[in-house]
Amino acid sequence: MMLNLVEERLQKHQPRTIDAQLPEAAVLVPITNASEPELVFTRRATHMTTHSGEVAFPGGKRDPSDRDLVHTALRESFEEIALPPEAVRIIGQTGPVVSRFGLEVTPVIGIIEADTPLRANMAELDRIFKVPLSYFLDKKNLTFNHWKMRNQDYMMPSFYYGEYLIWGLTAVVLVEFLNVTLDTDIPLNAPHFSSHHKKQQA
């Protein structure tokens, strides 16, 4: 079963660390445990001052009161899509990435029941939608878009799903998750890893 492989790979995965000295944030990558597993995404409301209209995983900045980044991801998911923390089974993390807004973002992977009711916080979002995990395994659904950041050119992986474009930081988080757990081997020529922040391995 696909979810068993995902969980097994995450348990063995050693996420990279970075020494960015930046404000921290976390996103939850929710996967439904349906016979056809799906990933849950949100679309930011167009009136938001940052990320307006963009597809994202639920998440946000770490509060001083958050115990850890898992707590951040779960708290933000409850605030944004009414996902109760107790409804999520955390199965692992992938490595942090640095957003273009200067946040160190840690992806937290969790499994939820397929019929878990979700409700968008309309102050922040205008849509919650799900995409079958298998959709991202079909190479014909993968495209690459040009991205320029700090005078560097990149070819960034992107996915179109109906009216939605999954790109930017969300696509980077998604693709690393796919590469780690399902051997997709999608090239990640992305600025978000901020390699100059990486800690030197002993």
Foldseek 3Di string as FASTA:
>chain_A
DQVVLLLVLQVVDDAFEFQQPFFAKEAEFEWAPDPQIKTKWFAWDQPDPPNHRAIAGFMDTDDPPQPDRLSRHQVRQCVFWVQHSVQWDWRHWHYWWAAPVGYTYTYTYTYGHPPRHTHGPVVTTDDMDIDGPVCVLDCVQWDWDWDADPNDIFTWIWGDDPPHIHTGPRSLRVVVSCCSRPVSPDDGRDCGRVVVRTDDDD
